[in-house]
């Protein structure tokens, strides 16, 4: 199993030790872009056309609710690939 597959598996299993950079890598691979705020905020927002923005704090480890958001992105992207 490749590193990428292991990372996706950890997200799908809602691992408790996910890091911000790991979620960022996954979201950017699915076409989301990260917007940094102008101020000194501890959150980053990921945006993709025709999708809801996802805001994630830069804390490590990441709370489960944010991992669930990224898991939903993965599942929707995989589902849309299967339809095509």
C-alpha atoms as a PDB file:
ATOM      1  CA  UNK A   1       0.000   0.000   0.000  1.00  0.00           C
ATOM      2  CA  UNK A   2       1.441   3.382  -1.001  1.00  0.00           C
ATOM      3  CA  UNK A   3       1.837   6.350   1.354  1.00  0.00           C
ATOM      4  CA  UNK A   4      -1.057   8.077  -0.413  1.00  0.00           C
ATOM      5  CA  UNK A   5      -3.360   5.083   0.064  1.00  0.00           C
ATOM      6  CA  UNK A   6      -2.365   4.866   3.736  1.00  0.00           C
ATOM      7  CA  UNK A   7      -3.127   8.559   4.207  1.00  0.00           C
ATOM      8  CA  UNK A   8      -6.558   8.205   2.605  1.00  0.00           C
ATOM      9  CA  UNK A   9      -7.240   5.110   4.709  1.00  0.00           C
ATOM     10  CA  UNK A  10      -6.374   7.000   7.911  1.00  0.00           C
ATOM     11  CA  UNK A  11      -8.818   9.755   6.959  1.00  0.00           C
ATOM     12  CA  UNK A  12     -11.571   7.300   6.078  1.00  0.00           C
ATOM     13  CA  UNK A  13     -11.056   5.608   9.455  1.00  0.00           C
ATOM     14  CA  UNK A  14     -11.201   9.028  11.194  1.00  0.00           C
ATOM     15  CA  UNK A  15      -7.767   8.690  12.749  1.00  0.00           C
ATOM     16  CA  UNK A  16      -7.273  10.736  15.922  1.00  0.00           C
ATOM     17  CA  UNK A  17      -3.747  11.843  15.059  1.00  0.00           C
ATOM     18  CA  UNK A  18      -4.268  13.628  11.737  1.00  0.00           C
ATOM     19  CA  UNK A  19      -2.175  16.716  11.128  1.00  0.00           C
ATOM     20  CA  UNK A  20      -3.153  19.908   9.304  1.00  0.00           C
ATOM     21  CA  UNK A  21      -0.566  19.390   6.554  1.00  0.00           C
ATOM     22  CA  UNK A  22      -1.941  15.916   5.790  1.00  0.00           C
ATOM     23  CA  UNK A  23      -5.479  17.247   5.342  1.00  0.00           C
ATOM     24  CA  UNK A  24      -4.144  20.144   3.295  1.00  0.00           C
ATOM     25  CA  UNK A  25      -2.320  17.746   0.962  1.00  0.00           C
ATOM     26  CA  UNK A  26      -5.483  15.717   0.377  1.00  0.00           C
ATOM     27  CA  UNK A  27      -7.746  18.720  -0.195  1.00  0.00           C
ATOM     28  CA  UNK A  28      -5.296  20.331  -2.614  1.00  0.00           C
ATOM     29  CA  UNK A  29      -4.994  17.060  -4.541  1.00  0.00           C
ATOM     30  CA  UNK A  30      -8.770  17.171  -5.100  1.00  0.00           C
ATOM     31  CA  UNK A  31      -8.587  20.695  -6.515  1.00  0.00           C
ATOM     32  CA  UNK A  32      -9.219  22.816  -3.427  1.00  0.00           C
ATOM     33  CA  UNK A  33      -7.087  25.911  -2.937  1.00  0.00           C
ATOM     34  CA  UNK A  34      -6.137  27.276   0.445  1.00  0.00           C
ATOM     35  CA  UNK A  35      -6.959  30.884   1.275  1.00  0.00           C
ATOM     36  CA  UNK A  36      -4.918  32.433   4.052  1.00  0.00           C
ATOM     37  CA  UNK A  37      -6.622  35.240   5.966  1.00  0.00           C
ATOM     38  CA  UNK A  38      -5.142  38.718   5.931  1.00  0.00           C
ATOM     39  CA  UNK A  39      -4.911  38.782   9.714  1.00  0.00           C
ATOM     40  CA  UNK A  40      -3.188  36.353  12.017  1.00  0.00           C
ATOM     41  CA  UNK A  41      -5.973  33.767  12.111  1.00  0.00           C
ATOM     42  CA  UNK A  42      -5.299  30.205  13.172  1.00  0.00           C
ATOM     43  CA  UNK A  43      -7.723  28.841  10.548  1.00  0.00           C
ATOM     44  CA  UNK A  44      -7.413  28.273   6.810  1.00  0.00           C
ATOM     45  CA  UNK A  45     -10.271  28.043   4.331  1.00  0.00           C
ATOM     46  CA  UNK A  46     -10.167  25.669   1.380  1.00  0.00           C
ATOM     47  CA  UNK A  47     -12.294  26.535  -1.638  1.00  0.00           C
ATOM     48  CA  UNK A  48     -13.283  24.793  -4.850  1.00  0.00           C
ATOM     49  CA  UNK A  49     -15.740  26.007  -7.469  1.00  0.00           C
ATOM     50  CA  UNK A  50     -19.292  24.708  -6.927  1.00  0.00           C
ATOM     51  CA  UNK A  51     -18.394  23.226  -3.516  1.00  0.00           C
ATOM     52  CA  UNK A  52     -18.875  24.420   0.040  1.00  0.00           C
ATOM     53  CA  UNK A  53     -15.754  25.997   1.557  1.00  0.00           C
ATOM     54  CA  UNK A  54     -14.058  24.037   4.331  1.00  0.00           C
ATOM     55  CA  UNK A  55     -12.417  25.899   7.213  1.00  0.00           C
ATOM     56  CA  UNK A  56      -9.845  24.004   9.267  1.00  0.00           C
ATOM     57  CA  UNK A  57      -7.754  25.204  12.243  1.00  0.00           C
ATOM     58  CA  UNK A  58      -3.993  24.770  12.083  1.00  0.00           C
ATOM     59  CA  UNK A  59      -3.978  22.919  15.420  1.00  0.00           C
ATOM     60  CA  UNK A  60      -2.316  19.510  15.644  1.00  0.00           C
ATOM     61  CA  UNK A  61      -3.785  16.989  16.017  1.00  0.00           C
ATOM     62  CA  UNK A  62      -6.920  17.948  14.116  1.00  0.00           C
ATOM     63  CA  UNK A  63     -10.270  17.359  15.822  1.00  0.00           C
ATOM     64  CA  UNK A  64     -12.472  14.597  14.469  1.00  0.00           C
ATOM     65  CA  UNK A  65     -15.122  16.956  13.061  1.00  0.00           C
ATOM     66  CA  UNK A  66     -12.605  18.420  10.589  1.00  0.00           C
ATOM     67  CA  UNK A  67     -11.343  14.977   9.565  1.00  0.00           C
ATOM     68  CA  UNK A  68     -14.986  14.043   8.907  1.00  0.00           C
ATOM     69  CA  UNK A  69     -15.300  17.043   6.561  1.00  0.00           C
ATOM     70  CA  UNK A  70     -12.294  15.890   4.553  1.00  0.00           C
ATOM     71  CA  UNK A  71     -13.582  12.304   4.572  1.00  0.00           C
ATOM     72  CA  UNK A  72     -16.840  13.580   3.041  1.00  0.00           C
ATOM     73  CA  UNK A  73     -14.824  15.311   0.296  1.00  0.00           C
ATOM     74  CA  UNK A  74     -12.949  12.088  -0.468  1.00  0.00           C
ATOM     75  CA  UNK A  75     -16.150  10.055  -0.585  1.00  0.00           C
ATOM     76  CA  UNK A  76     -17.888  12.576  -2.857  1.00  0.00           C
ATOM     77  CA  UNK A  77     -14.886  12.768  -5.201  1.00  0.00           C
ATOM     78  CA  UNK A  78     -14.583   8.980  -5.400  1.00  0.00           C
ATOM     79  CA  UNK A  79     -18.339   8.743  -5.998  1.00  0.00           C
ATOM     80  CA  UNK A  80     -18.212  11.278  -8.825  1.00  0.00           C
ATOM     81  CA  UNK A  81     -15.278   9.426 -10.432  1.00  0.00           C
ATOM     82  CA  UNK A  82     -17.289   6.199 -10.438  1.00  0.00           C
ATOM     83  CA  UNK A  83     -20.211   7.917 -12.205  1.00  0.00           C
ATOM     84  CA  UNK A  84     -17.959   9.091 -15.060  1.00  0.00           C
END
